[in-house]
Amino acid sequence: KTTESLAEAIHQKEQLLKQLESENRRDALTLLANRRHLNEFLPREMERARRYGHPLTIAMLDIDHFKKVNDTLGHAMGDQVLCVLANILITELRTTDFAARYGGEEFVIVFPETIVGDAVSACDKLRTLIALHPWPRLARNLNVTVSFGVAPMAHPDQTMAQLLAGADRALYQAKSSGRNRVCEARLDAPDTESIALGCAN
């Protein structure tokens, strides 16, 4: 009985540790991966892409005018919008894709084994689905759109920070050119700034 009790206690401890580890990698509100998990996952995927010469593309997305939602409808409604958006990502992305809440109303999607053109198409589909979602069911006159910045891993020497910066600059381009659109960026060389190649809406 003592041996069985010890075995059960060890099992319960292992389960608790697994649960705590999972919670440490998951955003409490949206249940997507959190930034910490992204910081572990993306470097591994970049190394795998380098080793096998496979494509890798990421996207950064941001809810347009999200501050207005919080200011006019309250933070509880803002939280609901974030959860609905996260659910759309979970439902529509492939099982091999990886979505994380990057911070606030920003999210990052990692598209392994995906060329930039296919990632742009996937993001434009998401953009359309989000714009057409029946948001007024949550609150009258509520409409939500998102902007995307997409960047491929273009060079073996590219770092995670450079890849994220490329997506961030493309997102800025999407925001500054009218929002509710997908902009693509690339790096000409590991130490150069990203260049916006174009936007679709």
C-alpha atoms as a PDB file:
ATOM      1  CA  LYS A   1       0.000   0.000   0.000  1.00  0.00           C
ATOM      2  CA  THR A   2       2.855   2.351   0.840  1.00  0.00           C
ATOM      3  CA  THR A   3       4.453   1.670  -2.564  1.00  0.00           C
ATOM      4  CA  GLU A   4       1.137   2.251  -4.314  1.00  0.00           C
ATOM      5  CA  SER A   5       0.608   5.490  -2.403  1.00  0.00           C
ATOM      6  CA  LEU A   6       4.076   6.711  -3.343  1.00  0.00           C
ATOM      7  CA  ALA A   7       3.498   5.817  -6.985  1.00  0.00           C
ATOM      8  CA  GLU A   8       0.176   7.675  -6.983  1.00  0.00           C
ATOM      9  CA  ALA A   9       1.755  10.723  -5.316  1.00  0.00           C
ATOM     10  CA  ILE A  10       4.539  10.765  -7.910  1.00  0.00           C
ATOM     11  CA  HIS A  11       1.997  10.455 -10.711  1.00  0.00           C
ATOM     12  CA  GLN A  12      -0.074  13.338  -9.323  1.00  0.00           C
ATOM     13  CA  LYS A  13       3.060  15.475  -8.990  1.00  0.00           C
ATOM     14  CA  GLU A  14       4.028  14.760 -12.602  1.00  0.00           C
ATOM     15  CA  GLN A  15       0.536  15.665 -13.798  1.00  0.00           C
ATOM     16  CA  LEU A  16       0.602  18.890 -11.797  1.00  0.00           C
ATOM     17  CA  LEU A  17       4.003  19.829 -13.244  1.00  0.00           C
ATOM     18  CA  LYS A  18       2.712  19.170 -16.765  1.00  0.00           C
ATOM     19  CA  GLN A  19      -0.347  21.325 -16.066  1.00  0.00           C
ATOM     20  CA  LEU A  20       1.781  24.162 -14.698  1.00  0.00           C
ATOM     21  CA  GLU A  21       4.130  23.969 -17.675  1.00  0.00           C
ATOM     22  CA  SER A  22       1.157  24.085 -20.048  1.00  0.00           C
ATOM     23  CA  GLU A  23      -0.282  27.099 -18.243  1.00  0.00           C
ATOM     24  CA  ASN A  24       3.092  28.861 -18.428  1.00  0.00           C
ATOM     25  CA  ARG A  25       3.021  28.478 -22.221  1.00  0.00           C
ATOM     26  CA  ARG A  26      -0.627  29.444 -22.762  1.00  0.00           C
ATOM     27  CA  ASP A  27      -2.315  32.834 -22.771  1.00  0.00           C
ATOM     28  CA  ALA A  28      -4.889  32.747 -19.979  1.00  0.00           C
ATOM     29  CA  LEU A  29      -7.527  34.721 -21.882  1.00  0.00           C
ATOM     30  CA  THR A  30      -7.419  33.384 -25.445  1.00  0.00           C
ATOM     31  CA  LEU A  31      -5.902  29.948 -24.682  1.00  0.00           C
ATOM     32  CA  LEU A  32      -3.474  30.449 -27.558  1.00  0.00           C
ATOM     33  CA  ALA A  33       0.247  30.065 -27.041  1.00  0.00           C
ATOM     34  CA  ASN A  34       1.798  33.000 -25.219  1.00  0.00           C
ATOM     35  CA  ARG A  35       4.906  34.994 -26.091  1.00  0.00           C
ATOM     36  CA  ARG A  36       7.118  32.767 -24.010  1.00  0.00           C
ATOM     37  CA  HIS A  37       6.016  29.713 -25.976  1.00  0.00           C
ATOM     38  CA  LEU A  38       6.527  31.603 -29.252  1.00  0.00           C
ATOM     39  CA  ASN A  39      10.071  32.450 -28.157  1.00  0.00           C
ATOM     40  CA  GLU A  40      10.735  28.725 -27.748  1.00  0.00           C
ATOM     41  CA  PHE A  41       8.890  27.511 -30.842  1.00  0.00           C
ATOM     42  CA  LEU A  42      10.007  29.969 -33.523  1.00  0.00           C
ATOM     43  CA  PRO A  43      13.797  29.508 -33.114  1.00  0.00           C
ATOM     44  CA  ARG A  44      13.342  25.725 -33.388  1.00  0.00           C
ATOM     45  CA  GLU A  45      11.313  26.110 -36.585  1.00  0.00           C
ATOM     46  CA  MET A  46      13.854  28.524 -38.019  1.00  0.00           C
ATOM     47  CA  GLU A  47      16.669  26.081 -37.301  1.00  0.00           C
ATOM     48  CA  ARG A  48      14.708  23.260 -38.925  1.00  0.00           C
ATOM     49  CA  ALA A  49      14.052  25.431 -41.993  1.00  0.00           C
ATOM     50  CA  ARG A  50      17.763  26.254 -42.208  1.00  0.00           C
ATOM     51  CA  ARG A  51      18.857  22.651 -41.831  1.00  0.00           C
ATOM     52  CA  TYR A  52      16.554  21.179 -44.450  1.00  0.00           C
ATOM     53  CA  GLY A  53      16.232  24.173 -46.755  1.00  0.00           C
ATOM     54  CA  HIS A  54      12.483  24.413 -46.249  1.00  0.00           C
ATOM     55  CA  PRO A  55      10.422  27.623 -46.437  1.00  0.00           C
ATOM     56  CA  LEU A  56       9.116  29.364 -43.330  1.00  0.00           C
ATOM     57  CA  THR A  57       6.870  32.406 -43.147  1.00  0.00           C
ATOM     58  CA  ILE A  58       5.401  34.326 -40.231  1.00  0.00           C
ATOM     59  CA  ALA A  59       2.579  36.839 -39.948  1.00  0.00           C
ATOM     60  CA  MET A  60       1.879  39.503 -37.370  1.00  0.00           C
ATOM     61  CA  LEU A  61      -1.696  40.716 -37.040  1.00  0.00           C
ATOM     62  CA  ASP A  62      -3.280  43.519 -35.103  1.00  0.00           C
ATOM     63  CA  ILE A  63      -6.922  44.424 -34.462  1.00  0.00           C
ATOM     64  CA  ASP A  64      -7.765  47.722 -36.127  1.00  0.00           C
ATOM     65  CA  HIS A  65      -8.889  50.519 -33.773  1.00  0.00           C
ATOM     66  CA  PHE A  66      -9.000  48.120 -30.809  1.00  0.00           C
ATOM     67  CA  LYS A  67      -8.584  50.970 -28.328  1.00  0.00           C
ATOM     68  CA  LYS A  68     -11.910  52.365 -29.536  1.00  0.00           C
ATOM     69  CA  VAL A  69     -13.589  49.042 -28.669  1.00  0.00           C
ATOM     70  CA  ASN A  70     -12.216  49.173 -25.130  1.00  0.00           C
ATOM     71  CA  ASP A  71     -13.002  52.873 -24.699  1.00  0.00           C
ATOM     72  CA  THR A  72     -16.583  52.736 -25.985  1.00  0.00           C
ATOM     73  CA  LEU A  73     -17.723  49.220 -25.072  1.00  0.00           C
ATOM     74  CA  GLY A  74     -15.492  48.376 -22.119  1.00  0.00           C
ATOM     75  CA  HIS A  75     -12.589  46.033 -21.535  1.00  0.00           C
ATOM     76  CA  ALA A  76     -14.872  43.051 -20.947  1.00  0.00           C
ATOM     77  CA  MET A  77     -16.160  43.421 -24.511  1.00  0.00           C
ATOM     78  CA  GLY A  78     -12.595  43.861 -25.700  1.00  0.00           C
ATOM     79  CA  ASP A  79     -11.735  40.545 -24.054  1.00  0.00           C
ATOM     80  CA  GLN A  80     -14.658  38.888 -25.848  1.00  0.00           C
ATOM     81  CA  VAL A  81     -13.401  40.217 -29.179  1.00  0.00           C
ATOM     82  CA  LEU A  82      -9.943  38.794 -28.483  1.00  0.00           C
ATOM     83  CA  CYS A  83     -11.434  35.400 -27.616  1.00  0.00           C
ATOM     84  CA  VAL A  84     -13.592  35.281 -30.757  1.00  0.00           C
ATOM     85  CA  LEU A  85     -10.605  36.228 -32.892  1.00  0.00           C
ATOM     86  CA  ALA A  86      -8.489  33.544 -31.247  1.00  0.00           C
ATOM     87  CA  ASN A  87     -11.208  30.976 -31.877  1.00  0.00           C
ATOM     88  CA  ILE A  88     -11.271  31.909 -35.578  1.00  0.00           C
ATOM     89  CA  LEU A  89      -7.515  31.359 -35.746  1.00  0.00           C
ATOM     90  CA  ILE A  90      -7.777  28.004 -33.954  1.00  0.00           C
ATOM     91  CA  THR A  91     -10.587  26.869 -36.258  1.00  0.00           C
ATOM     92  CA  GLU A  92      -9.160  28.048 -39.577  1.00  0.00           C
ATOM     93  CA  LEU A  93      -5.421  27.475 -39.292  1.00  0.00           C
ATOM     94  CA  ARG A  94      -3.823  24.159 -40.185  1.00  0.00           C
ATOM     95  CA  THR A  95      -2.766  21.877 -37.361  1.00  0.00           C
ATOM     96  CA  THR A  96       0.858  22.449 -38.395  1.00  0.00           C
ATOM     97  CA  ASP A  97       0.517  26.244 -38.043  1.00  0.00           C
ATOM     98  CA  PHE A  98       1.236  27.973 -34.742  1.00  0.00           C
ATOM     99  CA  ALA A  99      -0.654  30.975 -33.374  1.00  0.00           C
ATOM    100  CA  ALA A 100       0.380  32.986 -30.332  1.00  0.00           C
ATOM    101  CA  ARG A 101      -0.846  36.096 -28.576  1.00  0.00           C
ATOM    102  CA  TYR A 102       2.122  38.418 -28.874  1.00  0.00           C
ATOM    103  CA  GLY A 103       0.778  41.106 -26.584  1.00  0.00           C
ATOM    104  CA  GLY A 104      -2.366  43.198 -26.219  1.00  0.00           C
ATOM    105  CA  GLU A 105      -4.288  42.909 -29.489  1.00  0.00           C
ATOM    106  CA  GLU A 106      -1.296  41.619 -31.482  1.00  0.00           C
ATOM    107  CA  PHE A 107      -0.897  38.003 -32.561  1.00  0.00           C
ATOM    108  CA  VAL A 108       1.803  36.091 -34.413  1.00  0.00           C
ATOM    109  CA  ILE A 109       1.235  33.130 -36.724  1.00  0.00           C
ATOM    110  CA  VAL A 110       4.055  30.804 -37.760  1.00  0.00           C
ATOM    111  CA  PHE A 111       3.555  28.998 -41.061  1.00  0.00           C
ATOM    112  CA  PRO A 112       6.086  26.131 -41.285  1.00  0.00           C
ATOM    113  CA  GLU A 113       6.832  24.633 -44.717  1.00  0.00           C
ATOM    114  CA  THR A 114       5.034  27.573 -46.338  1.00  0.00           C
ATOM    115  CA  ILE A 115       6.181  29.996 -49.027  1.00  0.00           C
ATOM    116  CA  VAL A 116       5.286  33.620 -48.577  1.00  0.00           C
ATOM    117  CA  GLY A 117       2.629  33.665 -51.317  1.00  0.00           C
ATOM    118  CA  ASP A 118       0.674  30.856 -49.686  1.00  0.00           C
ATOM    119  CA  ALA A 119       0.949  32.543 -46.289  1.00  0.00           C
ATOM    120  CA  VAL A 120      -0.373  35.806 -47.768  1.00  0.00           C
ATOM    121  CA  SER A 121      -3.338  33.916 -49.229  1.00  0.00           C
ATOM    122  CA  ALA A 122      -4.039  32.234 -45.885  1.00  0.00           C
ATOM    123  CA  CYS A 123      -3.889  35.583 -44.078  1.00  0.00           C
ATOM    124  CA  ASP A 124      -6.181  37.243 -46.600  1.00  0.00           C
ATOM    125  CA  LYS A 125      -8.700  34.452 -46.065  1.00  0.00           C
ATOM    126  CA  LEU A 126      -8.494  35.016 -42.306  1.00  0.00           C
ATOM    127  CA  ARG A 127      -8.820  38.766 -42.798  1.00  0.00           C
ATOM    128  CA  THR A 128     -12.012  38.263 -44.808  1.00  0.00           C
ATOM    129  CA  LEU A 129     -13.521  35.798 -42.333  1.00  0.00           C
ATOM    130  CA  ILE A 130     -12.836  38.157 -39.433  1.00  0.00           C
ATOM    131  CA  ALA A 131     -14.349  41.138 -41.266  1.00  0.00           C
ATOM    132  CA  LEU A 132     -17.472  39.120 -42.174  1.00  0.00           C
ATOM    133  CA  HIS A 133     -17.961  37.640 -38.701  1.00  0.00           C
ATOM    134  CA  PRO A 134     -21.342  38.667 -37.166  1.00  0.00           C
ATOM    135  CA  TRP A 135     -19.770  40.977 -34.576  1.00  0.00           C
ATOM    136  CA  PRO A 136     -23.040  42.885 -33.899  1.00  0.00           C
ATOM    137  CA  ARG A 137     -24.232  39.777 -32.070  1.00  0.00           C
ATOM    138  CA  LEU A 138     -21.767  40.778 -29.343  1.00  0.00           C
ATOM    139  CA  ALA A 139     -22.647  44.471 -29.391  1.00  0.00           C
ATOM    140  CA  ARG A 140     -24.690  46.746 -31.623  1.00  0.00           C
ATOM    141  CA  ASN A 141     -22.628  48.505 -34.300  1.00  0.00           C
ATOM    142  CA  LEU A 142     -19.532  46.475 -33.425  1.00  0.00           C
ATOM    143  CA  ASN A 143     -17.369  45.774 -36.441  1.00  0.00           C
ATOM    144  CA  VAL A 144     -13.894  44.271 -36.235  1.00  0.00           C
ATOM    145  CA  THR A 145     -11.185  44.160 -38.871  1.00  0.00           C
ATOM    146  CA  VAL A 146      -7.532  43.181 -38.673  1.00  0.00           C
ATOM    147  CA  SER A 147      -4.335  44.099 -40.481  1.00  0.00           C
ATOM    148  CA  PHE A 148      -1.576  41.619 -41.326  1.00  0.00           C
ATOM    149  CA  GLY A 149       2.144  41.926 -41.921  1.00  0.00           C
ATOM    150  CA  VAL A 150       3.719  38.863 -43.532  1.00  0.00           C
ATOM    151  CA  ALA A 151       7.438  38.112 -43.741  1.00  0.00           C
ATOM    152  CA  PRO A 152       9.330  35.045 -45.008  1.00  0.00           C
ATOM    153  CA  MET A 153      12.552  33.667 -43.636  1.00  0.00           C
ATOM    154  CA  ALA A 154      14.675  34.852 -46.536  1.00  0.00           C
ATOM    155  CA  HIS A 155      18.258  34.147 -45.419  1.00  0.00           C
ATOM    156  CA  PRO A 156      19.956  31.381 -43.418  1.00  0.00           C
ATOM    157  CA  ASP A 157      21.625  33.998 -41.216  1.00  0.00           C
ATOM    158  CA  GLN A 158      18.371  35.733 -40.370  1.00  0.00           C
ATOM    159  CA  THR A 159      17.601  35.946 -36.653  1.00  0.00           C
ATOM    160  CA  MET A 160      14.234  35.628 -34.969  1.00  0.00           C
ATOM    161  CA  ALA A 161      14.352  39.331 -34.073  1.00  0.00           C
ATOM    162  CA  GLN A 162      14.939  40.269 -37.718  1.00  0.00           C
ATOM    163  CA  LEU A 163      12.135  38.029 -38.911  1.00  0.00           C
ATOM    164  CA  LEU A 164       9.694  39.507 -36.396  1.00  0.00           C
ATOM    165  CA  ALA A 165      10.880  43.015 -37.280  1.00  0.00           C
ATOM    166  CA  GLY A 166      10.138  42.333 -40.943  1.00  0.00           C
ATOM    167  CA  ALA A 167       6.596  41.233 -40.128  1.00  0.00           C
ATOM    168  CA  ASP A 168       6.173  44.222 -37.815  1.00  0.00           C
ATOM    169  CA  ARG A 169       7.233  46.685 -40.524  1.00  0.00           C
ATOM    170  CA  ALA A 170       4.861  45.061 -42.998  1.00  0.00           C
ATOM    171  CA  LEU A 171       2.088  45.349 -40.386  1.00  0.00           C
ATOM    172  CA  TYR A 172       2.893  49.034 -39.996  1.00  0.00           C
ATOM    173  CA  GLN A 173       2.606  49.377 -43.764  1.00  0.00           C
ATOM    174  CA  ALA A 174      -0.820  47.697 -43.661  1.00  0.00           C
ATOM    175  CA  LYS A 175      -1.950  50.061 -40.912  1.00  0.00           C
ATOM    176  CA  SER A 176      -0.632  53.206 -42.572  1.00  0.00           C
ATOM    177  CA  SER A 177      -2.108  52.326 -45.974  1.00  0.00           C
ATOM    178  CA  GLY A 178      -5.668  52.000 -44.741  1.00  0.00           C
ATOM    179  CA  ARG A 179      -5.964  48.956 -42.427  1.00  0.00           C
ATOM    180  CA  ASN A 180      -7.988  45.777 -43.046  1.00  0.00           C
ATOM    181  CA  ARG A 181      -5.361  44.477 -45.458  1.00  0.00           C
ATOM    182  CA  VAL A 182      -2.382  42.140 -45.780  1.00  0.00           C
ATOM    183  CA  CYS A 183       1.069  43.536 -46.544  1.00  0.00           C
ATOM    184  CA  GLU A 184       4.100  41.454 -47.441  1.00  0.00           C
ATOM    185  CA  ALA A 185       7.727  42.237 -46.605  1.00  0.00           C
ATOM    186  CA  ARG A 186      11.097  40.698 -47.234  1.00  0.00           C
ATOM    187  CA  LEU A 187      14.729  41.112 -46.202  1.00  0.00           C
ATOM    188  CA  ASP A 188      17.222  41.765 -48.991  1.00  0.00           C
ATOM    189  CA  ALA A 189      20.057  40.795 -46.659  1.00  0.00           C
ATOM    190  CA  PRO A 190      20.312  39.789 -43.005  1.00  0.00           C
ATOM    191  CA  ASP A 191      21.321  43.293 -41.896  1.00  0.00           C
ATOM    192  CA  THR A 192      18.975  45.365 -44.060  1.00  0.00           C
ATOM    193  CA  GLU A 193      15.570  46.746 -43.265  1.00  0.00           C
ATOM    194  CA  SER A 194      12.491  45.034 -44.586  1.00  0.00           C
ATOM    195  CA  ILE A 195      10.892  46.360 -47.748  1.00  0.00           C
ATOM    196  CA  ALA A 196       7.120  46.282 -48.190  1.00  0.00           C
ATOM    197  CA  LEU A 197       6.342  44.501 -51.447  1.00  0.00           C
ATOM    198  CA  GLY A 198       2.636  45.174 -51.594  1.00  0.00           C
ATOM    199  CA  CYS A 199      -0.694  45.013 -49.865  1.00  0.00           C
ATOM    200  CA  ALA A 200      -3.946  43.229 -50.602  1.00  0.00           C
ATOM    201  CA  ASN A 201      -7.421  44.019 -49.319  1.00  0.00           C
END
